[in-house]
Amino acid sequence: MGLKKTVLALLVALFVVFLFAGNGHARSERGFDDNEIRIGQWGPQTGPAAPWGAVARGSKLVFDVVNDEGGIHGRQVRYFIRDDQYNPSQTMSAVRELVSRRGVFAFVGGVGTAPGLAVQNFLRQNEIIWVGVCSGAAAFHDNPWLWNIWPAYFDEGSILAKHAVENEGFEKIAFLYQNDDWGMDAMAGIKARLELHGLELLEAVPVEPIERDLSSQVARLQASGAEAVIGIVAPTQAAIALRTAVSMGYQPQWLHSYNLCDFDLMNHITEGLWAREGVITAAFTDTPHADTPQMNRYREAQKKYAPEERWGIFYLAGIVVAEPLVWALKEVGPELSTEAVRDALNSVTEFQGVGPVLTWTADDHRPPRSLRIWQCGPNGEFNVIHDWIENELVYEK
């Protein structure tokens, strides 16, 4: 009996030593080995925000190109996509699984303010690199483990209002917004800009992400007498609002978020109304059909690696969020570590991929503050009606 207890005690001791040694090894080389680097992203592949799911698939194109060219210092990128259906609780489950079971090294993208906020603290506490959350909410701007690309919604609201008043001449402006940080941040920017011109919002009408009947909201916009409506809503709600407004004989100038600047898609789901109404949006990339070396390279790659995908803005956005991480992974060389990649990202200076020009420091991971203004042409074409506009106003919550 004594011998059995001694043997058991030794086995337990050996297991504990092995466990701690294994955990230490996992911490020092979390997310990669000599052969691969594991990277993850969540996004709505199904559900009401499914059009935005193309972002995660666009990032895959970048990693496919990298792997086909030999990987990064001999390591292949192993990429995981998880469908969260734009549901924060599902985002949390997906991220926990990718961290605990797959041991991902870093995340890129991730669509939505609410889904991103649901996992931000978890990723920060675990010191996991995260590049390019697909949200401009100010709540993401002070995270030392997150590098932002999406221009702030406060800046977007301010710039859309600036264009509406100064370039279009509108004074009677209303606001249709998703009832969360996305809408609230944009509203602060709109109000700040209008105040400079001695104007106020005529009406601010909230929309919940799951709503499908927007007749009461559109009626409020119409009753306000607004000649222009700034919209900060998801694609489905934007399409429903536009169709409802036209059916009611209400045809203001619509100005929407950069999250709706995929004119091909929006024109399709509105059965041509997006083009016929000449919807205006913000944007922070080249148009998807721009004739530039980088854009041409990715368009050709998409035909090779993902011919089933539609080449559009959301797919392009996935490329935008993946490019800086790939740059940093290459920059640090073969001696890979979380700290080395963090330091590389903290030294990005005027990085230019197919997205906006990026500059980050250890103390400032904020996104650019400039946006372009596009308008959907009669045949769905992308018309750049105003190049980069910078927001000089400061967000004071």
Protein backbone atom coordinates (compact mmCIF):
# COMPACT_ATOMS: atom_id res chain seq x y z
CA MET A 1 0.00 0.00 0.00
CA GLY A 2 2.89 2.35 0.85
CA LEU A 3 4.57 1.63 -2.46
CA LYS A 4 1.38 2.40 -4.38
CA LYS A 5 1.04 5.73 -2.59
CA THR A 6 4.65 6.61 -3.37
CA VAL A 7 4.25 5.75 -7.05
CA LEU A 8 1.00 7.74 -7.21
CA ALA A 9 2.65 10.75 -5.57
CA LEU A 10 5.50 10.62 -8.08
CA LEU A 11 3.09 10.42 -10.99
CA VAL A 12 1.15 13.41 -9.69
CA ALA A 13 4.36 15.39 -9.23
CA LEU A 14 5.53 14.56 -12.74
CA PHE A 15 2.14 15.57 -14.16
CA VAL A 16 2.26 18.92 -12.37
CA VAL A 17 5.81 19.58 -13.64
CA PHE A 18 4.73 18.63 -17.16
CA LEU A 19 1.60 20.78 -16.93
CA PHE A 20 3.47 23.91 -15.86
CA ALA A 21 6.25 23.31 -18.35
CA GLY A 22 3.68 22.85 -21.09
CA ASN A 23 1.79 25.97 -20.09
CA GLY A 24 4.98 28.02 -20.00
CA HIS A 25 5.87 26.76 -23.45
CA ALA A 26 2.39 27.63 -24.71
CA ARG A 27 2.66 31.15 -23.31
CA SER A 28 6.05 31.80 -24.86
CA GLU A 29 5.03 30.49 -28.27
CA ARG A 30 1.28 30.98 -28.26
CA GLY A 31 -0.25 30.81 -31.72
CA PHE A 32 2.69 29.61 -33.78
CA ASP A 33 5.43 27.05 -34.20
CA ASP A 34 8.13 26.48 -36.81
CA ASN A 35 5.54 25.58 -39.44
CA GLU A 36 2.49 27.80 -38.94
CA ILE A 37 1.00 30.99 -37.53
CA ARG A 38 -2.62 30.80 -36.39
CA ILE A 39 -4.84 33.81 -37.06
CA GLY A 40 -8.58 34.18 -36.47
CA GLN A 41 -11.56 36.34 -37.35
CA TRP A 42 -15.27 36.33 -36.61
CA GLY A 43 -17.99 37.77 -38.80
CA PRO A 44 -21.65 37.29 -39.79
CA GLN A 45 -21.58 34.61 -42.47
CA THR A 46 -25.32 34.18 -41.93
CA GLY A 47 -28.07 36.27 -40.33
CA PRO A 48 -29.26 39.88 -40.82
CA ALA A 49 -25.76 41.32 -41.32
CA ALA A 50 -24.54 38.51 -43.61
CA PRO A 51 -23.44 40.94 -46.38
CA TRP A 52 -20.69 42.08 -44.01
CA GLY A 53 -19.46 38.50 -43.70
CA ALA A 54 -17.41 39.02 -46.85
CA VAL A 55 -14.88 40.91 -44.71
CA ALA A 56 -13.61 37.71 -43.08
CA ARG A 57 -13.39 35.99 -46.45
CA GLY A 58 -11.49 38.93 -47.92
CA SER A 59 -8.81 38.52 -45.28
CA LYS A 60 -8.48 34.88 -46.32
CA LEU A 61 -7.46 36.05 -49.78
CA VAL A 62 -4.45 37.89 -48.32
CA PHE A 63 -3.35 34.79 -46.40
CA ASP A 64 -3.87 32.56 -49.45
CA VAL A 65 -1.58 34.82 -51.45
CA VAL A 66 1.01 34.84 -48.66
CA ASN A 67 0.95 31.05 -48.31
CA ASP A 68 1.25 30.51 -52.05
CA GLU A 69 4.33 32.73 -52.04
CA GLY A 70 6.02 30.53 -49.41
CA GLY A 71 4.49 31.85 -46.21
CA ILE A 72 6.10 34.26 -43.77
CA HIS A 73 9.71 33.32 -43.02
CA GLY A 74 8.85 29.72 -43.78
CA ARG A 75 5.64 29.61 -41.75
CA GLN A 76 2.26 29.10 -43.36
CA VAL A 77 -0.71 31.11 -42.11
CA ARG A 78 -3.47 28.91 -40.71
CA TYR A 79 -6.61 31.00 -40.75
CA PHE A 80 -9.87 30.41 -38.85
CA ILE A 81 -13.23 32.07 -39.60
CA ARG A 82 -16.14 31.80 -37.17
CA ASP A 83 -19.74 32.80 -37.96
CA ASP A 84 -21.17 34.83 -35.06
CA GLN A 85 -24.32 35.96 -36.92
CA TYR A 86 -23.67 39.51 -35.62
CA ASN A 87 -24.65 38.22 -32.17
CA PRO A 88 -22.31 39.31 -29.34
CA SER A 89 -22.89 36.17 -27.27
CA GLN A 90 -21.90 34.01 -30.23
CA THR A 91 -18.87 36.24 -30.81
CA MET A 92 -17.73 35.56 -27.26
CA SER A 93 -18.15 31.80 -27.67
CA ALA A 94 -16.26 31.82 -30.95
CA VAL A 95 -13.37 33.88 -29.62
CA ARG A 96 -13.00 31.77 -26.48
CA GLU A 97 -12.88 28.65 -28.62
CA LEU A 98 -10.28 30.10 -30.97
CA VAL A 99 -8.10 31.23 -28.07
CA SER A 100 -8.41 28.20 -25.80
CA ARG A 101 -8.67 25.37 -28.31
CA ARG A 102 -6.93 26.73 -31.40
CA GLY A 103 -4.43 28.94 -29.65
CA VAL A 104 -4.59 31.76 -32.18
CA PHE A 105 -1.68 34.21 -32.31
CA ALA A 106 -3.72 37.21 -33.44
CA PHE A 107 -7.09 38.37 -34.73
CA VAL A 108 -7.86 40.62 -37.67
CA GLY A 109 -11.10 42.43 -38.42
CA GLY A 110 -14.22 41.31 -36.64
CA VAL A 111 -17.43 42.99 -37.81
CA GLY A 112 -19.56 45.18 -35.59
CA THR A 113 -19.43 47.40 -32.54
CA ALA A 114 -21.46 45.22 -30.18
CA PRO A 115 -19.66 41.97 -31.12
CA GLY A 116 -16.29 43.68 -30.75
CA LEU A 117 -17.14 45.19 -27.39
CA ALA A 118 -18.26 41.76 -26.18
CA VAL A 119 -14.74 40.34 -26.61
CA GLN A 120 -12.48 43.37 -26.22
CA ASN A 121 -11.71 42.90 -22.52
CA PHE A 122 -11.09 39.18 -22.94
CA LEU A 123 -8.59 39.75 -25.77
CA ARG A 124 -6.93 42.62 -23.94
CA GLN A 125 -6.54 40.66 -20.71
CA ASN A 126 -4.96 37.80 -22.64
CA GLU A 127 -2.65 40.25 -24.50
CA ILE A 128 -3.72 38.98 -27.92
CA ILE A 129 -2.90 41.14 -30.92
CA TRP A 130 -5.97 42.45 -32.74
CA VAL A 131 -5.72 44.51 -35.91
CA GLY A 132 -8.54 46.44 -37.54
CA VAL A 133 -11.79 45.85 -35.67
CA CYS A 134 -14.53 46.66 -38.18
CA SER A 135 -15.98 49.45 -36.10
CA GLY A 136 -15.22 53.11 -35.59
CA ALA A 137 -16.57 53.23 -32.03
CA ALA A 138 -14.48 55.38 -29.68
CA ALA A 139 -14.65 52.60 -27.07
CA PHE A 140 -11.95 50.74 -29.02
CA HIS A 141 -9.42 53.57 -29.20
CA ASP A 142 -7.55 53.12 -25.93
CA ASN A 143 -6.75 49.41 -26.11
CA PRO A 144 -2.96 48.80 -26.21
CA TRP A 145 -3.53 45.44 -27.94
CA LEU A 146 -5.82 46.75 -30.68
CA TRP A 147 -4.69 48.73 -33.73
CA ASN A 148 -7.56 50.66 -35.34
CA ILE A 149 -8.18 51.20 -39.06
CA TRP A 150 -11.90 52.07 -39.32
CA PRO A 151 -12.28 55.88 -39.00
CA ALA A 152 -14.12 56.89 -35.86
CA TYR A 153 -17.91 57.12 -36.13
CA PHE A 154 -17.74 60.55 -34.51
CA ASP A 155 -15.48 61.65 -37.37
CA GLU A 156 -17.75 60.01 -39.92
CA GLY A 157 -20.86 61.73 -38.58
CA SER A 158 -19.10 65.07 -38.54
CA ILE A 159 -17.75 64.65 -42.09
CA LEU A 160 -21.11 63.51 -43.53
CA ALA A 161 -22.81 66.52 -41.92
CA LYS A 162 -20.04 68.81 -43.14
CA HIS A 163 -20.54 67.58 -46.71
CA ALA A 164 -24.33 67.84 -46.46
CA VAL A 165 -24.22 71.46 -45.28
CA GLU A 166 -21.14 72.91 -46.95
CA ASN A 167 -21.07 71.04 -50.26
CA GLU A 168 -24.72 70.13 -50.81
CA GLY A 169 -26.30 73.17 -49.18
CA PHE A 170 -28.74 71.27 -46.93
CA GLU A 171 -29.96 72.87 -43.72
CA LYS A 172 -32.89 70.60 -42.82
CA ILE A 173 -31.22 67.36 -41.75
CA ALA A 174 -32.53 64.31 -39.86
CA PHE A 175 -30.81 61.18 -38.58
CA LEU A 176 -31.74 57.47 -38.76
CA TYR A 177 -29.46 55.43 -36.53
CA GLN A 178 -28.76 52.00 -35.09
CA ASN A 179 -29.44 52.25 -31.38
CA ASP A 180 -25.96 51.46 -30.04
CA ASP A 181 -22.49 53.02 -29.79
CA TRP A 182 -22.26 53.18 -33.57
CA GLY A 183 -25.28 55.43 -33.84
CA MET A 184 -24.55 57.43 -30.69
CA ASP A 185 -20.95 58.25 -31.64
CA ALA A 186 -22.03 59.35 -35.12
CA MET A 187 -24.84 61.47 -33.67
CA ALA A 188 -22.33 63.32 -31.49
CA GLY A 189 -20.27 64.12 -34.58
CA ILE A 190 -23.31 65.28 -36.56
CA LYS A 191 -24.56 67.53 -33.77
CA ALA A 192 -21.10 69.04 -33.23
CA ARG A 193 -20.80 69.88 -36.92
CA LEU A 194 -24.32 71.28 -37.24
CA GLU A 195 -23.78 73.45 -34.18
CA LEU A 196 -20.90 75.18 -35.98
CA HIS A 197 -23.41 76.23 -38.62
CA GLY A 198 -26.12 77.27 -36.15
CA LEU A 199 -28.22 74.22 -37.07
CA GLU A 200 -29.88 71.39 -35.16
CA LEU A 201 -31.06 67.92 -36.12
CA LEU A 202 -34.73 68.07 -37.01
CA GLU A 203 -35.26 64.48 -35.88
CA ALA A 204 -33.15 61.57 -34.61
CA VAL A 205 -34.89 58.22 -35.09
CA PRO A 206 -33.47 54.99 -33.59
CA VAL A 207 -33.62 51.53 -35.20
CA GLU A 208 -32.95 48.19 -33.54
CA PRO A 209 -30.81 45.74 -35.58
CA ILE A 210 -33.59 43.13 -35.70
CA GLU A 211 -36.35 45.49 -36.91
CA ARG A 212 -37.87 44.89 -40.34
CA ASP A 213 -40.85 47.24 -40.41
CA LEU A 214 -39.52 50.80 -40.47
CA SER A 215 -42.69 52.55 -41.61
CA SER A 216 -43.08 54.45 -38.32
CA GLN A 217 -39.45 55.61 -38.39
CA VAL A 218 -39.68 56.80 -42.00
CA ALA A 219 -42.97 58.58 -41.21
CA ARG A 220 -41.19 60.51 -38.46
CA LEU A 221 -38.40 61.49 -40.86
CA GLN A 222 -40.94 62.65 -43.43
CA ALA A 223 -42.96 64.61 -40.89
CA SER A 224 -39.80 66.43 -39.77
CA GLY A 225 -39.50 68.04 -43.19
CA ALA A 226 -35.87 66.92 -43.56
CA GLU A 227 -34.46 67.39 -47.04
CA ALA A 228 -31.46 65.17 -46.20
CA VAL A 229 -31.24 62.11 -43.95
CA ILE A 230 -27.97 60.78 -42.57
CA GLY A 231 -28.24 57.02 -42.00
CA ILE A 232 -26.11 54.94 -39.65
CA VAL A 233 -27.76 51.53 -40.02
CA ALA A 234 -26.99 48.03 -41.32
CA PRO A 235 -27.53 47.12 -45.00
CA THR A 236 -30.89 45.43 -44.41
CA GLN A 237 -32.35 48.38 -42.49
CA ALA A 238 -30.97 50.88 -45.02
CA ALA A 239 -32.61 49.00 -47.89
CA ILE A 240 -35.93 48.72 -46.03
CA ALA A 241 -35.87 52.42 -45.10
CA LEU A 242 -35.17 53.49 -48.68
CA ARG A 243 -37.91 51.29 -50.17
CA THR A 244 -40.37 52.45 -47.51
CA ALA A 245 -39.55 56.12 -48.09
CA VAL A 246 -40.00 55.84 -51.87
CA SER A 247 -43.33 54.04 -51.40
CA MET A 248 -44.47 56.91 -49.15
CA GLY A 249 -43.43 59.52 -51.68
CA TYR A 250 -40.62 60.76 -49.45
CA GLN A 251 -37.34 61.19 -51.35
CA PRO A 252 -34.74 63.10 -49.35
CA GLN A 253 -31.05 62.95 -50.11
CA TRP A 254 -29.73 59.93 -48.23
CA LEU A 255 -26.19 60.03 -46.83
CA HIS A 256 -24.98 56.76 -45.34
CA SER A 257 -22.03 55.30 -43.46
CA TYR A 258 -18.93 53.91 -45.14
CA ASN A 259 -20.27 50.55 -44.00
CA LEU A 260 -22.79 50.86 -46.85
CA CYS A 261 -20.48 52.02 -49.62
CA ASP A 262 -20.72 48.72 -51.51
CA PHE A 263 -22.89 50.21 -54.27
CA ASP A 264 -23.07 46.99 -56.29
CA LEU A 265 -24.56 45.15 -53.33
CA MET A 266 -26.82 47.95 -52.11
CA ASN A 267 -28.13 48.60 -55.61
CA HIS A 268 -28.95 44.90 -55.92
CA ILE A 269 -30.81 44.53 -52.62
CA THR A 270 -32.77 47.77 -53.21
CA GLU A 271 -33.68 46.68 -56.76
CA GLY A 272 -31.96 49.68 -58.30
CA LEU A 273 -33.19 52.33 -55.87
CA TRP A 274 -29.70 52.98 -54.48
CA ALA A 275 -28.64 54.23 -57.92
CA ARG A 276 -31.92 55.93 -58.84
CA GLU A 277 -31.93 57.92 -55.60
CA GLY A 278 -28.22 58.79 -55.92
CA VAL A 279 -27.33 57.68 -52.40
CA ILE A 280 -24.20 59.29 -50.96
CA THR A 281 -21.82 57.49 -48.59
CA ALA A 282 -18.52 58.03 -46.86
CA ALA A 283 -15.56 55.80 -47.84
CA PHE A 284 -11.96 55.23 -46.80
CA THR A 285 -10.48 53.15 -49.62
CA ASP A 286 -10.08 53.42 -53.35
CA THR A 287 -13.13 52.35 -55.30
CA PRO A 288 -13.07 48.57 -55.82
CA HIS A 289 -12.64 49.04 -59.56
CA ALA A 290 -9.72 51.48 -59.29
CA ASP A 291 -6.94 50.80 -61.78
CA THR A 292 -3.96 50.69 -59.40
CA PRO A 293 -1.18 48.06 -59.13
CA GLN A 294 -2.28 46.90 -55.67
CA MET A 295 -5.98 46.73 -56.53
CA ASN A 296 -5.25 44.92 -59.78
CA ARG A 297 -3.06 42.40 -57.93
CA TYR A 298 -5.82 41.49 -55.49
CA ARG A 299 -8.50 41.38 -58.16
CA GLU A 300 -6.43 38.85 -60.09
CA ALA A 301 -5.78 36.87 -56.90
CA GLN A 302 -9.51 36.74 -56.17
CA LYS A 303 -10.15 35.21 -59.59
CA LYS A 304 -7.54 32.54 -58.81
CA TYR A 305 -8.23 31.71 -55.16
CA ALA A 306 -11.89 32.63 -54.68
CA PRO A 307 -13.68 32.82 -58.03
CA GLU A 308 -17.02 32.21 -56.30
CA GLU A 309 -16.69 35.48 -54.36
CA ARG A 310 -18.09 38.79 -55.55
CA TRP A 311 -15.43 41.48 -55.75
CA GLY A 312 -16.80 44.33 -53.66
CA ILE A 313 -16.13 46.77 -50.85
CA PHE A 314 -16.82 44.41 -47.96
CA TYR A 315 -14.53 41.77 -49.44
CA LEU A 316 -11.94 44.50 -50.01
CA ALA A 317 -12.28 45.58 -46.37
CA GLY A 318 -11.03 42.15 -45.33
CA ILE A 319 -7.87 42.79 -47.33
CA VAL A 320 -7.48 46.19 -45.65
CA VAL A 321 -7.47 44.73 -42.10
CA ALA A 322 -5.13 41.83 -42.94
CA GLU A 323 -2.40 43.80 -44.73
CA PRO A 324 -0.85 45.57 -41.69
CA LEU A 325 -0.56 42.33 -39.70
CA VAL A 326 1.13 40.57 -42.62
CA TRP A 327 3.54 43.50 -42.89
CA ALA A 328 4.38 43.28 -39.17
CA LEU A 329 4.87 39.50 -39.28
CA LYS A 330 7.31 39.91 -42.15
CA GLU A 331 9.04 42.86 -40.49
CA VAL A 332 10.02 40.99 -37.31
CA GLY A 333 11.84 38.22 -39.18
CA PRO A 334 11.99 34.53 -38.27
CA GLU A 335 12.35 35.16 -34.50
CA LEU A 336 8.64 35.55 -34.00
CA SER A 337 6.98 36.63 -30.75
CA THR A 338 3.91 38.53 -29.64
CA GLU A 339 6.10 41.31 -28.27
CA ALA A 340 8.06 41.67 -31.51
CA VAL A 341 4.90 41.97 -33.62
CA ARG A 342 3.43 44.43 -31.13
CA ASP A 343 6.56 46.59 -31.40
CA ALA A 344 6.45 46.43 -35.21
CA LEU A 345 2.81 47.55 -35.27
CA ASN A 346 3.71 50.36 -32.87
CA SER A 347 6.21 51.66 -35.42
CA VAL A 348 3.92 51.75 -38.48
CA THR A 349 4.51 55.03 -40.28
CA GLU A 350 2.39 56.04 -43.28
CA PHE A 351 1.71 52.42 -44.23
CA GLN A 352 -0.20 52.35 -47.50
CA GLY A 353 -2.03 49.23 -48.59
CA VAL A 354 -5.36 49.33 -50.39
CA GLY A 355 -6.90 51.09 -47.38
CA PRO A 356 -6.21 54.40 -45.66
CA VAL A 357 -2.72 55.62 -44.80
CA LEU A 358 -1.85 54.28 -41.33
CA THR A 359 0.47 55.62 -38.65
CA TRP A 360 0.59 54.05 -35.18
CA THR A 361 2.81 54.57 -32.17
CA ALA A 362 3.01 52.84 -28.80
CA ASP A 363 0.80 55.57 -27.35
CA ASP A 364 -1.62 56.03 -30.23
CA HIS A 365 -3.41 53.23 -32.08
CA ARG A 366 -6.18 55.46 -33.39
CA PRO A 367 -7.44 55.36 -36.98
CA PRO A 368 -7.07 58.07 -39.64
CA ARG A 369 -9.48 61.02 -39.37
CA SER A 370 -10.16 61.56 -43.08
CA LEU A 371 -12.90 60.19 -45.33
CA ARG A 372 -13.86 60.43 -48.97
CA ILE A 373 -17.40 61.05 -50.24
CA TRP A 374 -18.88 58.82 -52.94
CA GLN A 375 -22.21 58.91 -54.73
CA CYS A 376 -23.92 56.01 -56.47
CA GLY A 377 -24.34 56.82 -60.17
CA PRO A 378 -27.38 56.05 -62.35
CA ASN A 379 -25.93 52.68 -63.37
CA GLY A 380 -24.51 51.83 -59.95
CA GLU A 381 -21.07 53.27 -60.67
CA PHE A 382 -18.80 54.66 -57.96
CA ASN A 383 -18.51 58.43 -58.33
CA VAL A 384 -15.97 60.16 -56.08
CA ILE A 385 -17.66 63.52 -55.52
CA HIS A 386 -15.27 64.77 -52.84
CA ASP A 387 -11.81 63.50 -52.02
CA TRP A 388 -10.41 63.31 -48.53
CA ILE A 389 -12.14 65.46 -45.90
CA GLU A 390 -10.50 65.60 -42.47
CA ASN A 391 -12.46 66.09 -39.27
CA GLU A 392 -10.87 68.72 -37.05
CA LEU A 393 -13.46 68.49 -34.26
CA VAL A 394 -12.70 66.72 -30.98
CA TYR A 395 -15.04 64.14 -29.48
CA GLU A 396 -15.98 65.11 -25.95
CA LYS A 397 -18.20 62.54 -24.28
